[in-house]
Amino acid sequence: MISESCTRSEDQPVVDDELGQPASLFVIDDDEALVDVCRLQTRRHQAFTFAGFATTAREGFDIIGDLRPNIVLVDLSLPDADGRSVMPQLAVTFPETMVAALTAREAEQAEAEVLATGAFAYYEKSMLIKGRLFQYLAQDLSLFRRALRGEDVVAPSALARRSSRGADPEVAEGLAAG
């Protein structure tokens, strides 16, 4: 269990415009090597801070209650719980926090099921390794906030996958733009 914060200068980009500071990211995953990659990539993206991580669902709930991060990424395969059962509890307990899956499973295998649990987005771990995760996190967090205000939205990360499977990319891009 770790909690950390990074300092930012005032001229760095901010995702969390409602609070005037970078968006905080918390990860629940028992793969500490992946958590380290996430921590390092967070430092490269000025709009985010790495709030911490937990290796179990129980530990995650305890820490999230204190930290109240903007985003929680949950692995589907945790040692003490199935991530799909954790996400609805997180979404209900912390409604202002964007809950999303971060998993090694390809989207075709579990995305619809995960989104039905209350997760806002579904990210494959390969997105983190390929350096695309934080682009989607920024866009999806903005849309999550719009959804909290009652707007109908679709996460760009899902649209990108759908367009790569044969959907019209111009339609997907237009939907993502709002």
C-alpha atoms as a PDB file:
ATOM      1  CA  MET A   1       0.000   0.000   0.000  1.00  0.00           C
ATOM      2  CA  ILE A   2       1.512   3.291  -1.100  1.00  0.00           C
ATOM      3  CA  SER A   3       0.314   6.838  -1.306  1.00  0.00           C
ATOM      4  CA  GLU A   4       2.392   9.483  -2.975  1.00  0.00           C
ATOM      5  CA  SER A   5       1.967  12.854  -4.590  1.00  0.00           C
ATOM      6  CA  CYS A   6       4.012  14.842  -7.046  1.00  0.00           C
ATOM      7  CA  THR A   7       4.413  18.595  -7.034  1.00  0.00           C
ATOM      8  CA  ARG A   8       3.518  20.533 -10.154  1.00  0.00           C
ATOM      9  CA  SER A   9       4.285  24.054 -11.261  1.00  0.00           C
ATOM     10  CA  GLU A  10       1.440  26.406 -12.097  1.00  0.00           C
ATOM     11  CA  ASP A  11       2.240  26.448 -15.827  1.00  0.00           C
ATOM     12  CA  GLN A  12       1.717  22.687 -16.259  1.00  0.00           C
ATOM     13  CA  PRO A  13      -1.503  21.411 -17.854  1.00  0.00           C
ATOM     14  CA  VAL A  14      -4.346  20.507 -15.543  1.00  0.00           C
ATOM     15  CA  VAL A  15      -7.034  17.892 -16.119  1.00  0.00           C
ATOM     16  CA  ASP A  16      -8.837  18.463 -12.827  1.00  0.00           C
ATOM     17  CA  ASP A  17     -10.033  21.951 -13.689  1.00  0.00           C
ATOM     18  CA  GLU A  18     -12.811  21.810 -11.096  1.00  0.00           C
ATOM     19  CA  LEU A  19     -10.296  21.718  -8.242  1.00  0.00           C
ATOM     20  CA  GLY A  20      -7.481  23.594  -9.983  1.00  0.00           C
ATOM     21  CA  GLN A  21      -4.944  20.798  -9.611  1.00  0.00           C
ATOM     22  CA  PRO A  22      -3.846  17.695 -11.530  1.00  0.00           C
ATOM     23  CA  ALA A  23      -6.198  14.721 -11.486  1.00  0.00           C
ATOM     24  CA  SER A  24      -5.235  12.020  -9.001  1.00  0.00           C
ATOM     25  CA  LEU A  25      -4.929   8.408 -10.110  1.00  0.00           C
ATOM     26  CA  PHE A  26      -5.185   5.335  -7.890  1.00  0.00           C
ATOM     27  CA  VAL A  27      -4.535   1.763  -9.080  1.00  0.00           C
ATOM     28  CA  ILE A  28      -5.828  -1.502  -7.606  1.00  0.00           C
ATOM     29  CA  ASP A  29      -3.636  -4.228  -9.089  1.00  0.00           C
ATOM     30  CA  ASP A  30      -1.441  -6.940  -7.594  1.00  0.00           C
ATOM     31  CA  ASP A  31       1.122  -6.662 -10.413  1.00  0.00           C
ATOM     32  CA  GLU A  32       3.561  -4.250  -8.785  1.00  0.00           C
ATOM     33  CA  ALA A  33       5.723  -4.052 -11.929  1.00  0.00           C
ATOM     34  CA  LEU A  34       2.700  -2.726 -13.831  1.00  0.00           C
ATOM     35  CA  VAL A  35       1.956  -0.314 -10.989  1.00  0.00           C
ATOM     36  CA  ASP A  36       5.546   0.969 -11.278  1.00  0.00           C
ATOM     37  CA  VAL A  37       5.064   1.550 -15.015  1.00  0.00           C
ATOM     38  CA  CYS A  38       1.847   3.411 -14.254  1.00  0.00           C
ATOM     39  CA  ARG A  39       3.590   5.514 -11.608  1.00  0.00           C
ATOM     40  CA  LEU A  40       6.427   6.417 -14.003  1.00  0.00           C
ATOM     41  CA  GLN A  41       4.066   7.256 -16.866  1.00  0.00           C
ATOM     42  CA  THR A  42       1.967   9.399 -14.530  1.00  0.00           C
ATOM     43  CA  ARG A  43       5.039  11.511 -13.806  1.00  0.00           C
ATOM     44  CA  ARG A  44       5.484  12.098 -17.548  1.00  0.00           C
ATOM     45  CA  HIS A  45       1.920  13.373 -17.923  1.00  0.00           C
ATOM     46  CA  GLN A  46       1.680  16.717 -16.210  1.00  0.00           C
ATOM     47  CA  ALA A  47      -2.088  16.597 -15.851  1.00  0.00           C
ATOM     48  CA  PHE A  48      -1.998  13.658 -13.409  1.00  0.00           C
ATOM     49  CA  THR A  49      -0.578  12.709 -10.043  1.00  0.00           C
ATOM     50  CA  PHE A  50      -0.124   9.150  -8.859  1.00  0.00           C
ATOM     51  CA  ALA A  51      -2.117   8.981  -5.629  1.00  0.00           C
ATOM     52  CA  GLY A  52      -1.122   5.432  -4.775  1.00  0.00           C
ATOM     53  CA  PHE A  53      -2.026   1.808  -5.211  1.00  0.00           C
ATOM     54  CA  ALA A  54      -3.355  -1.253  -3.467  1.00  0.00           C
ATOM     55  CA  THR A  55      -2.749  -4.917  -4.233  1.00  0.00           C
ATOM     56  CA  THR A  56      -6.152  -6.109  -2.972  1.00  0.00           C
ATOM     57  CA  ALA A  57      -9.727  -4.860  -3.194  1.00  0.00           C
ATOM     58  CA  ARG A  58     -10.048  -4.560   0.591  1.00  0.00           C
ATOM     59  CA  GLU A  59      -6.880  -2.494   0.850  1.00  0.00           C
ATOM     60  CA  GLY A  60      -8.052  -0.366  -2.068  1.00  0.00           C
ATOM     61  CA  PHE A  61     -11.361   0.518  -0.393  1.00  0.00           C
ATOM     62  CA  ASP A  62      -9.579   1.514   2.796  1.00  0.00           C
ATOM     63  CA  ILE A  63      -7.125   3.805   1.027  1.00  0.00           C
ATOM     64  CA  ILE A  64      -9.583   5.290  -1.477  1.00  0.00           C
ATOM     65  CA  GLY A  65     -11.851   6.320   1.376  1.00  0.00           C
ATOM     66  CA  ASP A  66      -9.045   8.504   2.724  1.00  0.00           C
ATOM     67  CA  LEU A  67      -7.566   9.756  -0.560  1.00  0.00           C
ATOM     68  CA  ARG A  68     -10.692  10.304  -2.683  1.00  0.00           C
ATOM     69  CA  PRO A  69      -8.803  10.098  -6.007  1.00  0.00           C
ATOM     70  CA  ASN A  70     -10.326  11.360  -9.245  1.00  0.00           C
ATOM     71  CA  ILE A  71      -9.687   8.068 -11.079  1.00  0.00           C
ATOM     72  CA  VAL A  72      -9.449   4.467  -9.863  1.00  0.00           C
ATOM     73  CA  LEU A  73      -8.138   1.803 -12.229  1.00  0.00           C
ATOM     74  CA  VAL A  74      -9.098  -1.736 -11.189  1.00  0.00           C
ATOM     75  CA  ASP A  75      -7.598  -4.993 -12.435  1.00  0.00           C
ATOM     76  CA  LEU A  76     -10.180  -7.684 -13.117  1.00  0.00           C
ATOM     77  CA  SER A  77      -8.093 -10.406 -11.439  1.00  0.00           C
ATOM     78  CA  LEU A  78      -7.333  -9.455  -7.844  1.00  0.00           C
ATOM     79  CA  PRO A  79      -6.148 -11.901  -5.181  1.00  0.00           C
ATOM     80  CA  ASP A  80      -9.153 -11.297  -2.918  1.00  0.00           C
ATOM     81  CA  ALA A  81     -11.930 -10.411  -5.376  1.00  0.00           C
ATOM     82  CA  ASP A  82     -13.065 -10.341  -8.968  1.00  0.00           C
ATOM     83  CA  GLY A  83     -12.593  -6.791 -10.222  1.00  0.00           C
ATOM     84  CA  ARG A  84     -16.030  -6.926 -11.842  1.00  0.00           C
ATOM     85  CA  SER A  85     -17.584  -7.253  -8.386  1.00  0.00           C
ATOM     86  CA  VAL A  86     -15.434  -4.443  -6.966  1.00  0.00           C
ATOM     87  CA  MET A  87     -16.269  -1.813  -9.588  1.00  0.00           C
ATOM     88  CA  PRO A  88     -19.990  -1.425  -8.804  1.00  0.00           C
ATOM     89  CA  GLN A  89     -19.181  -1.065  -5.095  1.00  0.00           C
ATOM     90  CA  LEU A  90     -16.581   1.603  -5.870  1.00  0.00           C
ATOM     91  CA  ALA A  91     -18.939   3.458  -8.211  1.00  0.00           C
ATOM     92  CA  VAL A  92     -21.704   3.567  -5.587  1.00  0.00           C
ATOM     93  CA  THR A  93     -19.439   4.358  -2.629  1.00  0.00           C
ATOM     94  CA  PHE A  94     -17.420   7.022  -4.476  1.00  0.00           C
ATOM     95  CA  PRO A  95     -19.756   8.449  -7.160  1.00  0.00           C
ATOM     96  CA  GLU A  96     -17.465  11.413  -7.930  1.00  0.00           C
ATOM     97  CA  THR A  97     -14.584   9.048  -8.776  1.00  0.00           C
ATOM     98  CA  MET A  98     -14.197   7.672 -12.294  1.00  0.00           C
ATOM     99  CA  VAL A  99     -13.894   3.899 -11.921  1.00  0.00           C
ATOM    100  CA  ALA A 100     -12.351   2.032 -14.851  1.00  0.00           C
ATOM    101  CA  ALA A 101     -10.997  -1.418 -15.628  1.00  0.00           C
ATOM    102  CA  LEU A 102      -7.292  -1.860 -16.372  1.00  0.00           C
ATOM    103  CA  THR A 103      -6.776  -5.429 -17.483  1.00  0.00           C
ATOM    104  CA  ALA A 104      -4.705  -7.745 -19.624  1.00  0.00           C
ATOM    105  CA  ARG A 105      -7.899  -9.146 -21.150  1.00  0.00           C
ATOM    106  CA  GLU A 106      -8.705  -7.876 -24.612  1.00  0.00           C
ATOM    107  CA  ALA A 107     -11.763  -5.658 -24.830  1.00  0.00           C
ATOM    108  CA  GLU A 108     -13.693  -8.134 -26.949  1.00  0.00           C
ATOM    109  CA  GLN A 109     -13.586 -10.610 -24.064  1.00  0.00           C
ATOM    110  CA  ALA A 110     -15.019  -8.532 -21.229  1.00  0.00           C
ATOM    111  CA  GLU A 111     -15.673  -4.877 -22.104  1.00  0.00           C
ATOM    112  CA  ALA A 112     -19.485  -4.995 -22.274  1.00  0.00           C
ATOM    113  CA  GLU A 113     -19.711  -6.978 -19.047  1.00  0.00           C
ATOM    114  CA  VAL A 114     -17.347  -4.616 -17.219  1.00  0.00           C
ATOM    115  CA  LEU A 115     -19.146  -1.475 -18.389  1.00  0.00           C
ATOM    116  CA  ALA A 116     -22.445  -2.998 -17.244  1.00  0.00           C
ATOM    117  CA  THR A 117     -21.007  -3.214 -13.704  1.00  0.00           C
ATOM    118  CA  GLY A 118     -20.754   0.567 -13.459  1.00  0.00           C
ATOM    119  CA  ALA A 119     -17.225   1.109 -14.717  1.00  0.00           C
ATOM    120  CA  PHE A 120     -16.955   4.193 -16.891  1.00  0.00           C
ATOM    121  CA  ALA A 121     -14.201   2.880 -19.159  1.00  0.00           C
ATOM    122  CA  TYR A 122     -12.261  -0.241 -20.049  1.00  0.00           C
ATOM    123  CA  TYR A 123      -8.524  -0.045 -20.665  1.00  0.00           C
ATOM    124  CA  GLU A 124      -6.257  -2.841 -21.807  1.00  0.00           C
ATOM    125  CA  LYS A 125      -2.899  -2.928 -20.026  1.00  0.00           C
ATOM    126  CA  SER A 126      -1.240  -2.810 -23.427  1.00  0.00           C
ATOM    127  CA  MET A 127      -2.511   0.800 -23.692  1.00  0.00           C
ATOM    128  CA  LEU A 128      -0.300   1.680 -20.722  1.00  0.00           C
ATOM    129  CA  ILE A 129       2.718  -0.075 -22.183  1.00  0.00           C
ATOM    130  CA  LYS A 130       2.189   1.565 -25.600  1.00  0.00           C
ATOM    131  CA  GLY A 131       1.841   5.005 -24.004  1.00  0.00           C
ATOM    132  CA  ARG A 132      -1.774   5.682 -25.002  1.00  0.00           C
ATOM    133  CA  LEU A 133      -3.497   5.265 -21.640  1.00  0.00           C
ATOM    134  CA  PHE A 134      -3.103   8.813 -20.349  1.00  0.00           C
ATOM    135  CA  GLN A 135      -4.480  10.356 -23.526  1.00  0.00           C
ATOM    136  CA  TYR A 136      -7.654   8.340 -23.003  1.00  0.00           C
ATOM    137  CA  LEU A 137      -7.737   8.999 -19.258  1.00  0.00           C
ATOM    138  CA  ALA A 138      -7.750  12.761 -19.835  1.00  0.00           C
ATOM    139  CA  GLN A 139     -10.540  12.561 -22.404  1.00  0.00           C
ATOM    140  CA  ASP A 140     -12.570  10.043 -20.430  1.00  0.00           C
ATOM    141  CA  LEU A 141     -12.299  11.985 -17.156  1.00  0.00           C
ATOM    142  CA  SER A 142     -13.636  15.072 -18.903  1.00  0.00           C
ATOM    143  CA  LEU A 143     -16.543  13.048 -20.280  1.00  0.00           C
ATOM    144  CA  PHE A 144     -17.122  11.395 -16.889  1.00  0.00           C
ATOM    145  CA  ARG A 145     -17.612  14.830 -15.373  1.00  0.00           C
ATOM    146  CA  ARG A 146     -20.047  15.730 -18.127  1.00  0.00           C
ATOM    147  CA  ALA A 147     -21.933  12.500 -17.392  1.00  0.00           C
ATOM    148  CA  LEU A 148     -22.113  13.462 -13.705  1.00  0.00           C
ATOM    149  CA  ARG A 149     -23.860  16.648 -14.836  1.00  0.00           C
ATOM    150  CA  GLY A 150     -26.431  14.526 -16.688  1.00  0.00           C
ATOM    151  CA  GLU A 151     -25.049  14.628 -20.234  1.00  0.00           C
ATOM    152  CA  ASP A 152     -25.050  11.534 -22.442  1.00  0.00           C
ATOM    153  CA  VAL A 153     -21.474  10.620 -23.343  1.00  0.00           C
ATOM    154  CA  VAL A 154     -19.416   7.767 -24.811  1.00  0.00           C
ATOM    155  CA  ALA A 155     -15.818   7.223 -23.695  1.00  0.00           C
ATOM    156  CA  PRO A 156     -13.274   7.879 -26.497  1.00  0.00           C
ATOM    157  CA  SER A 157     -11.330   4.761 -25.491  1.00  0.00           C
ATOM    158  CA  ALA A 158     -14.381   2.662 -26.409  1.00  0.00           C
ATOM    159  CA  LEU A 159     -14.971   4.594 -29.620  1.00  0.00           C
ATOM    160  CA  ALA A 160     -11.387   4.064 -30.732  1.00  0.00           C
ATOM    161  CA  ARG A 161     -11.745   0.293 -30.304  1.00  0.00           C
ATOM    162  CA  ARG A 162     -15.054   0.270 -32.120  1.00  0.00           C
ATOM    163  CA  SER A 163     -13.655   2.287 -35.029  1.00  0.00           C
ATOM    164  CA  SER A 164     -10.697  -0.090 -35.283  1.00  0.00           C
ATOM    165  CA  ARG A 165     -13.202  -2.952 -35.599  1.00  0.00           C
ATOM    166  CA  GLY A 166     -14.839  -1.478 -38.673  1.00  0.00           C
ATOM    167  CA  ALA A 167     -17.009   1.386 -37.461  1.00  0.00           C
ATOM    168  CA  ASP A 168     -16.816   4.639 -39.392  1.00  0.00           C
ATOM    169  CA  PRO A 169     -13.882   6.579 -37.830  1.00  0.00           C
ATOM    170  CA  GLU A 170     -15.424   9.971 -38.692  1.00  0.00           C
ATOM    171  CA  VAL A 171     -18.591   9.071 -36.814  1.00  0.00           C
ATOM    172  CA  ALA A 172     -16.559   7.841 -33.840  1.00  0.00           C
ATOM    173  CA  GLU A 173     -14.452  11.008 -33.852  1.00  0.00           C
ATOM    174  CA  GLY A 174     -17.558  13.201 -34.009  1.00  0.00           C
ATOM    175  CA  LEU A 175     -19.174  11.384 -31.110  1.00  0.00           C
ATOM    176  CA  ALA A 176     -16.036  11.698 -29.016  1.00  0.00           C
ATOM    177  CA  ALA A 177     -15.829  15.438 -29.681  1.00  0.00           C
ATOM    178  CA  GLY A 178     -19.166  15.880 -28.085  1.00  0.00           C
END
